[in-house]
């Protein structure tokens, strides 16, 4: 007698591996989750911090049709940012943009998001006047 759970799992795994690379090429919307955040400031060591500690996005929804990313942070803040540049480089989808931040506050930064086409793993970097962030995470198709 066949084990239906095992058969279902194998079918799902095969379907995932067949779809895999195409899912991270900019043809389908993605949901990405932040897993590790590193904050760097001049003349100090870089520190691992929680997304909550620096109000970094916990989730990033990428809408390629609208050419924008939507973020949600632990504080509940949501933000929509246009994707100003998108390019495939060495098996990675690279997205880039810039943000003004809070009006009247000098907190703007540039960002770059790299998503591995074969695994969906992501690295998001952001840089401003005197701070840099590196966020490691993973994306999944919506």
N, C-alpha and C. Protein backbone atom coordinates (compact mmCIF):
# COMPACT_ATOMS: atom_id res chain seq x y z
N UNK A 1 0.84 -1.18 0.00
CA UNK A 1 0.00 0.00 0.00
C UNK A 1 0.89 1.25 0.00
N UNK A 2 0.54 2.21 -0.82
CA UNK A 2 1.30 3.45 -0.92
C UNK A 2 1.07 4.34 0.29
N UNK A 3 2.11 5.06 0.68
CA UNK A 3 1.98 6.05 1.73
C UNK A 3 1.58 7.37 1.06
N UNK A 4 0.30 7.76 1.24
CA UNK A 4 -0.22 8.93 0.53
C UNK A 4 0.44 10.23 0.99
N UNK A 5 0.83 10.31 2.26
CA UNK A 5 1.51 11.51 2.74
C UNK A 5 2.87 11.66 2.07
N UNK A 6 3.61 10.55 1.97
CA UNK A 6 4.91 10.58 1.33
C UNK A 6 4.76 10.91 -0.16
N UNK A 7 3.79 10.30 -0.83
CA UNK A 7 3.56 10.56 -2.24
C UNK A 7 3.21 12.03 -2.45
N UNK A 8 2.36 12.58 -1.58
CA UNK A 8 1.99 13.99 -1.68
C UNK A 8 3.18 14.90 -1.48
N UNK A 9 4.03 14.56 -0.51
CA UNK A 9 5.22 15.36 -0.24
C UNK A 9 6.17 15.32 -1.43
N UNK A 10 6.38 14.15 -1.99
CA UNK A 10 7.27 14.01 -3.15
C UNK A 10 6.72 14.80 -4.34
N UNK A 11 5.42 14.74 -4.56
CA UNK A 11 4.81 15.49 -5.66
C UNK A 11 4.99 16.99 -5.46
N UNK A 12 4.79 17.44 -4.22
CA UNK A 12 4.96 18.86 -3.91
C UNK A 12 6.41 19.28 -4.12
N UNK A 13 7.35 18.46 -3.66
CA UNK A 13 8.78 18.77 -3.81
C UNK A 13 9.17 18.84 -5.28
N UNK A 14 8.66 17.91 -6.09
CA UNK A 14 8.97 17.92 -7.52
C UNK A 14 8.37 19.14 -8.20
N UNK A 15 7.14 19.49 -7.84
CA UNK A 15 6.51 20.67 -8.43
C UNK A 15 7.28 21.93 -8.05
N UNK A 16 7.73 22.01 -6.78
CA UNK A 16 8.49 23.17 -6.31
C UNK A 16 9.80 23.28 -7.08
N UNK A 17 10.53 22.16 -7.23
CA UNK A 17 11.82 22.23 -7.91
C UNK A 17 11.65 22.57 -9.38
N UNK A 18 10.56 22.14 -9.99
CA UNK A 18 10.33 22.46 -11.40
C UNK A 18 10.00 23.95 -11.56
N UNK A 19 9.28 24.51 -10.61
CA UNK A 19 8.89 25.90 -10.70
C UNK A 19 10.01 26.82 -10.22
N UNK A 20 10.79 26.35 -9.26
CA UNK A 20 11.83 27.07 -8.56
C UNK A 20 12.40 28.31 -9.20
N UNK A 21 13.26 28.17 -10.17
CA UNK A 21 13.99 29.31 -10.72
C UNK A 21 13.06 30.35 -11.33
N UNK A 22 12.01 29.90 -12.00
CA UNK A 22 11.11 30.84 -12.66
C UNK A 22 10.38 31.71 -11.65
N UNK A 23 10.22 31.24 -10.44
CA UNK A 23 9.47 31.99 -9.43
C UNK A 23 10.22 33.23 -8.95
N UNK A 24 11.51 33.29 -9.09
CA UNK A 24 12.31 34.39 -8.55
C UNK A 24 12.96 35.22 -9.63
N UNK A 25 12.33 35.29 -10.79
CA UNK A 25 12.91 36.04 -11.90
C UNK A 25 12.18 37.34 -12.20
N UNK A 26 11.25 37.72 -11.34
CA UNK A 26 10.49 38.94 -11.55
C UNK A 26 9.19 38.73 -12.29
N UNK A 27 8.82 37.48 -12.54
CA UNK A 27 7.58 37.21 -13.27
C UNK A 27 6.38 36.99 -12.36
N UNK A 28 6.61 36.81 -11.05
CA UNK A 28 5.52 36.57 -10.12
C UNK A 28 5.75 37.38 -8.85
N UNK A 29 4.68 37.86 -8.20
CA UNK A 29 4.86 38.60 -6.95
C UNK A 29 5.49 37.72 -5.87
N UNK A 30 6.24 38.35 -4.97
CA UNK A 30 6.95 37.62 -3.92
C UNK A 30 6.63 38.20 -2.55
N UNK A 31 6.72 37.36 -1.55
CA UNK A 31 6.68 37.78 -0.16
C UNK A 31 8.00 37.36 0.46
N UNK A 32 8.72 38.33 1.03
CA UNK A 32 10.02 38.05 1.64
C UNK A 32 9.94 38.32 3.13
N UNK A 33 10.66 37.52 3.92
CA UNK A 33 10.71 37.68 5.37
C UNK A 33 12.15 37.94 5.80
N UNK A 34 12.29 38.92 6.69
CA UNK A 34 13.61 39.22 7.26
C UNK A 34 13.92 38.21 8.35
N UNK A 35 15.15 37.66 8.33
CA UNK A 35 15.53 36.67 9.33
C UNK A 35 16.68 37.14 10.21
N UNK A 36 17.55 37.97 9.67
CA UNK A 36 18.70 38.46 10.44
C UNK A 36 19.02 39.87 9.98
N UNK A 37 19.26 40.76 10.95
CA UNK A 37 19.56 42.16 10.64
C UNK A 37 20.89 42.53 11.28
N UNK A 38 21.74 43.19 10.50
CA UNK A 38 23.01 43.69 10.99
C UNK A 38 23.03 45.19 10.77
N UNK A 39 23.36 45.94 11.84
CA UNK A 39 23.41 47.40 11.79
C UNK A 39 24.87 47.84 11.95
N UNK A 40 25.31 48.74 11.08
CA UNK A 40 26.68 49.25 11.14
C UNK A 40 26.67 50.77 11.20
N UNK A 41 27.50 51.32 12.09
CA UNK A 41 27.69 52.77 12.18
C UNK A 41 29.19 53.04 12.19
N UNK A 42 29.62 54.23 11.72
CA UNK A 42 31.05 54.53 11.65
C UNK A 42 31.73 54.43 13.02
N UNK A 43 32.98 53.97 13.02
CA UNK A 43 33.85 53.88 14.20
C UNK A 43 33.30 52.95 15.29
N UNK A 44 32.38 52.08 14.94
CA UNK A 44 31.86 51.08 15.88
C UNK A 44 31.77 49.75 15.16
N UNK A 45 31.68 48.69 15.94
CA UNK A 45 31.48 47.37 15.35
C UNK A 45 30.06 47.26 14.81
N UNK A 46 29.90 46.41 13.82
CA UNK A 46 28.56 46.10 13.35
C UNK A 46 27.93 45.14 14.35
N UNK A 47 26.61 45.30 14.55
CA UNK A 47 25.91 44.49 15.55
C UNK A 47 24.72 43.78 14.93
N UNK A 48 24.52 42.54 15.36
CA UNK A 48 23.28 41.84 15.01
C UNK A 48 22.18 42.40 15.88
N UNK A 49 21.08 42.76 15.26
CA UNK A 49 19.94 43.30 15.99
C UNK A 49 18.68 42.63 15.48
N UNK A 50 17.61 42.78 16.23
CA UNK A 50 16.32 42.26 15.76
C UNK A 50 15.71 43.28 14.81
N UNK A 51 14.86 42.84 13.92
CA UNK A 51 14.18 43.81 13.06
C UNK A 51 13.42 44.86 13.88
N UNK A 52 12.88 44.45 15.02
CA UNK A 52 12.13 45.37 15.88
C UNK A 52 13.02 46.47 16.44
N UNK A 53 14.27 46.15 16.76
CA UNK A 53 15.17 47.12 17.38
C UNK A 53 15.46 48.32 16.47
N UNK A 54 15.42 48.13 15.17
CA UNK A 54 15.72 49.22 14.23
C UNK A 54 14.52 49.52 13.32
N UNK A 55 13.36 48.98 13.68
CA UNK A 55 12.12 49.14 12.91
C UNK A 55 12.32 48.77 11.44
N UNK A 56 13.11 47.71 11.23
CA UNK A 56 13.32 47.20 9.87
C UNK A 56 12.09 46.42 9.43
N UNK A 57 11.89 46.31 8.14
CA UNK A 57 10.72 45.55 7.69
C UNK A 57 10.84 44.08 8.05
N UNK A 58 9.77 43.53 8.62
CA UNK A 58 9.73 42.10 8.89
C UNK A 58 9.30 41.36 7.63
N UNK A 59 8.42 42.00 6.86
CA UNK A 59 7.92 41.40 5.62
C UNK A 59 8.01 42.42 4.50
N UNK A 60 8.36 41.91 3.33
CA UNK A 60 8.46 42.74 2.13
C UNK A 60 7.67 42.05 1.04
N UNK A 61 6.67 42.74 0.52
CA UNK A 61 5.89 42.20 -0.60
C UNK A 61 6.38 42.91 -1.86
N UNK A 62 6.77 42.12 -2.85
CA UNK A 62 7.28 42.69 -4.10
C UNK A 62 6.22 42.52 -5.17
N UNK A 63 5.76 43.64 -5.71
CA UNK A 63 4.73 43.66 -6.75
C UNK A 63 5.40 44.12 -8.04
N UNK A 64 5.76 43.17 -8.88
CA UNK A 64 6.48 43.50 -10.11
C UNK A 64 5.58 44.21 -11.12
N UNK A 65 4.29 43.89 -11.10
CA UNK A 65 3.35 44.53 -12.02
C UNK A 65 3.25 46.03 -11.73
N UNK A 66 3.18 46.39 -10.44
CA UNK A 66 3.12 47.80 -10.04
C UNK A 66 4.51 48.42 -9.90
N UNK A 67 5.55 47.60 -10.03
CA UNK A 67 6.94 48.04 -9.92
C UNK A 67 7.22 48.71 -8.57
N UNK A 68 6.82 48.03 -7.48
CA UNK A 68 7.02 48.58 -6.15
C UNK A 68 7.17 47.49 -5.11
N UNK A 69 7.75 47.88 -3.97
CA UNK A 69 7.80 46.98 -2.83
C UNK A 69 6.95 47.61 -1.72
N UNK A 70 6.32 46.76 -0.93
CA UNK A 70 5.52 47.19 0.21
C UNK A 70 6.11 46.51 1.43
N UNK A 71 6.36 47.31 2.47
CA UNK A 71 6.98 46.75 3.67
C UNK A 71 6.08 46.94 4.87
N UNK A 72 6.25 46.06 5.84
CA UNK A 72 5.55 46.16 7.13
C UNK A 72 6.58 45.86 8.21
N UNK A 73 6.69 46.78 9.19
CA UNK A 73 7.66 46.61 10.27
C UNK A 73 6.95 46.21 11.56
N UNK A 74 7.74 45.89 12.57
CA UNK A 74 7.20 45.46 13.85
C UNK A 74 6.34 46.53 14.50
N UNK A 75 6.66 47.81 14.26
CA UNK A 75 5.89 48.90 14.87
C UNK A 75 4.53 49.07 14.20
N UNK A 76 4.33 48.33 13.10
CA UNK A 76 3.08 48.46 12.37
C UNK A 76 3.17 49.44 11.21
N UNK A 77 4.32 50.08 11.07
CA UNK A 77 4.50 51.03 9.98
C UNK A 77 4.54 50.30 8.64
N UNK A 78 3.83 50.84 7.68
CA UNK A 78 3.86 50.27 6.33
C UNK A 78 4.40 51.34 5.39
N UNK A 79 5.02 50.89 4.33
CA UNK A 79 5.65 51.82 3.39
C UNK A 79 5.60 51.20 2.01
N UNK A 80 5.37 52.02 1.01
CA UNK A 80 5.45 51.60 -0.38
C UNK A 80 6.60 52.35 -1.02
N UNK A 81 7.45 51.62 -1.71
CA UNK A 81 8.62 52.22 -2.34
C UNK A 81 8.70 51.78 -3.79
N UNK A 82 8.89 52.71 -4.71
CA UNK A 82 9.03 52.32 -6.11
C UNK A 82 10.35 51.59 -6.36
N UNK A 83 10.31 50.62 -7.23
CA UNK A 83 11.52 49.95 -7.69
C UNK A 83 12.06 50.80 -8.84
N UNK A 84 13.20 51.43 -8.62
CA UNK A 84 13.76 52.34 -9.62
C UNK A 84 14.64 51.61 -10.63
N UNK A 85 15.13 50.45 -10.25
CA UNK A 85 15.98 49.67 -11.16
C UNK A 85 15.79 48.20 -10.86
N UNK A 86 15.77 47.39 -11.90
CA UNK A 86 15.62 45.95 -11.78
C UNK A 86 16.47 45.29 -12.86
N UNK A 87 17.30 44.32 -12.44
CA UNK A 87 18.19 43.67 -13.40
C UNK A 87 18.56 42.28 -12.91
N UNK A 88 18.68 41.34 -13.84
CA UNK A 88 19.19 40.00 -13.52
C UNK A 88 20.70 40.02 -13.69
N UNK A 89 21.44 39.63 -12.64
CA UNK A 89 22.90 39.60 -12.68
C UNK A 89 23.37 38.31 -12.03
N UNK A 90 24.06 37.47 -12.77
CA UNK A 90 24.65 36.24 -12.24
C UNK A 90 23.68 35.40 -11.42
N UNK A 91 22.47 35.21 -11.93
CA UNK A 91 21.49 34.36 -11.25
C UNK A 91 20.82 35.02 -10.06
N UNK A 92 20.93 36.34 -9.97
CA UNK A 92 20.27 37.09 -8.89
C UNK A 92 19.41 38.19 -9.51
N UNK A 93 18.23 38.36 -8.95
CA UNK A 93 17.40 39.48 -9.33
C UNK A 93 17.76 40.63 -8.41
N UNK A 94 18.24 41.73 -8.98
CA UNK A 94 18.66 42.89 -8.20
C UNK A 94 17.62 44.00 -8.38
N UNK A 95 17.09 44.48 -7.26
CA UNK A 95 16.14 45.58 -7.25
C UNK A 95 16.76 46.73 -6.46
N UNK A 96 16.55 47.97 -6.92
CA UNK A 96 17.14 49.11 -6.22
C UNK A 96 16.16 50.28 -6.16
N UNK A 97 16.35 51.09 -5.11
CA UNK A 97 15.52 52.28 -4.96
C UNK A 97 16.09 53.19 -3.90
N UNK A 98 15.36 54.25 -3.60
CA UNK A 98 15.77 55.22 -2.58
C UNK A 98 14.53 55.70 -1.85
N UNK A 99 14.71 56.04 -0.58
CA UNK A 99 13.60 56.47 0.27
C UNK A 99 13.95 57.75 0.99
N UNK A 100 13.00 58.65 1.09
CA UNK A 100 13.18 59.90 1.83
C UNK A 100 13.01 59.68 3.33
N UNK A 101 12.25 58.71 3.74
CA UNK A 101 12.01 58.48 5.17
C UNK A 101 10.93 59.40 5.69
N UNK A 102 11.12 59.90 6.90
CA UNK A 102 10.15 60.78 7.54
C UNK A 102 10.36 62.20 7.02
N UNK A 103 9.28 62.85 6.60
CA UNK A 103 9.37 64.22 6.09
C UNK A 103 9.99 65.15 7.13
N UNK A 104 10.97 65.95 6.70
CA UNK A 104 11.61 66.91 7.59
C UNK A 104 12.72 66.33 8.45
N UNK A 105 12.96 65.03 8.35
CA UNK A 105 14.03 64.37 9.10
C UNK A 105 15.06 63.87 8.09
N UNK A 106 16.33 64.07 8.38
CA UNK A 106 17.39 63.63 7.48
C UNK A 106 17.67 62.14 7.71
N UNK A 107 16.76 61.30 7.20
CA UNK A 107 16.87 59.86 7.42
C UNK A 107 16.71 59.06 6.12
N UNK A 108 16.85 59.72 4.98
CA UNK A 108 16.72 59.03 3.70
C UNK A 108 17.84 58.02 3.50
N UNK A 109 17.55 57.01 2.68
CA UNK A 109 18.58 56.01 2.38
C UNK A 109 18.34 55.38 1.03
N UNK A 110 19.40 54.80 0.50
CA UNK A 110 19.31 54.01 -0.72
C UNK A 110 19.25 52.55 -0.35
N UNK A 111 18.54 51.74 -1.13
CA UNK A 111 18.44 50.31 -0.83
C UNK A 111 18.68 49.48 -2.08
N UNK A 112 19.14 48.28 -1.82
CA UNK A 112 19.37 47.30 -2.88
C UNK A 112 18.95 45.93 -2.36
N UNK A 113 18.16 45.23 -3.12
CA UNK A 113 17.64 43.92 -2.73
C UNK A 113 18.08 42.89 -3.77
N UNK A 114 18.81 41.87 -3.33
CA UNK A 114 19.27 40.80 -4.22
C UNK A 114 18.56 39.51 -3.84
N UNK A 115 17.92 38.86 -4.81
CA UNK A 115 17.20 37.61 -4.58
C UNK A 115 17.81 36.54 -5.48
N UNK A 116 18.30 35.45 -4.86
CA UNK A 116 18.89 34.36 -5.64
C UNK A 116 17.79 33.65 -6.43
N UNK A 117 17.98 33.56 -7.73
CA UNK A 117 16.98 32.98 -8.61
C UNK A 117 16.72 31.50 -8.32
N UNK A 118 17.74 30.79 -7.85
CA UNK A 118 17.58 29.34 -7.64
C UNK A 118 17.06 28.98 -6.26
N UNK A 119 17.18 29.86 -5.26
CA UNK A 119 16.77 29.50 -3.89
C UNK A 119 15.75 30.46 -3.28
N UNK A 120 15.66 31.67 -3.76
CA UNK A 120 14.78 32.66 -3.16
C UNK A 120 15.37 33.36 -1.95
N UNK A 121 16.61 33.00 -1.58
CA UNK A 121 17.24 33.70 -0.45
C UNK A 121 17.53 35.14 -0.86
N UNK A 122 17.42 36.06 0.12
CA UNK A 122 17.58 37.46 -0.21
C UNK A 122 18.55 38.15 0.73
N UNK A 123 19.14 39.24 0.21
CA UNK A 123 19.95 40.15 1.01
C UNK A 123 19.48 41.54 0.64
N UNK A 124 19.04 42.28 1.66
CA UNK A 124 18.61 43.66 1.49
C UNK A 124 19.62 44.55 2.20
N UNK A 125 20.14 45.54 1.49
CA UNK A 125 21.05 46.49 2.11
C UNK A 125 20.44 47.87 2.01
N UNK A 126 20.71 48.67 3.05
CA UNK A 126 20.26 50.06 3.06
C UNK A 126 21.37 50.92 3.62
N UNK A 127 21.59 52.08 3.01
CA UNK A 127 22.64 52.95 3.50
C UNK A 127 22.15 54.39 3.53
N UNK A 128 22.53 55.08 4.63
CA UNK A 128 22.16 56.47 4.81
C UNK A 128 23.38 57.29 5.17
N UNK A 129 23.17 58.40 5.88
CA UNK A 129 24.26 59.29 6.26
C UNK A 129 25.32 58.61 7.11
N UNK A 130 24.91 58.01 8.19
CA UNK A 130 25.87 57.45 9.14
C UNK A 130 25.42 56.09 9.64
N UNK A 131 24.78 55.32 8.78
CA UNK A 131 24.33 54.00 9.17
C UNK A 131 24.16 53.13 7.93
N UNK A 132 24.40 51.85 8.11
CA UNK A 132 24.17 50.87 7.07
C UNK A 132 23.50 49.65 7.67
N UNK A 133 22.62 49.03 6.90
CA UNK A 133 21.92 47.83 7.35
C UNK A 133 22.09 46.72 6.33
N UNK A 134 22.25 45.50 6.81
CA UNK A 134 22.23 44.32 5.97
C UNK A 134 21.17 43.40 6.56
N UNK A 135 20.20 43.02 5.73
CA UNK A 135 19.11 42.15 6.18
C UNK A 135 19.14 40.89 5.33
N UNK A 136 19.25 39.76 6.00
CA UNK A 136 19.22 38.46 5.33
C UNK A 136 17.84 37.86 5.52
N UNK A 137 17.34 37.19 4.49
CA UNK A 137 16.03 36.58 4.60
C UNK A 137 15.76 35.65 3.44
N UNK A 138 14.48 35.38 3.20
CA UNK A 138 14.08 34.48 2.15
C UNK A 138 12.73 34.92 1.58
N UNK A 139 12.53 34.60 0.31
CA UNK A 139 11.31 35.00 -0.38
C UNK A 139 10.57 33.75 -0.85
N UNK A 140 9.26 33.93 -1.02
CA UNK A 140 8.42 32.86 -1.55
C UNK A 140 7.42 33.48 -2.52
N UNK A 141 7.03 32.76 -3.55
CA UNK A 141 6.04 33.30 -4.49
C UNK A 141 4.67 33.43 -3.82
N UNK A 142 3.92 34.43 -4.24
CA UNK A 142 2.54 34.61 -3.74
C UNK A 142 1.57 33.97 -4.69
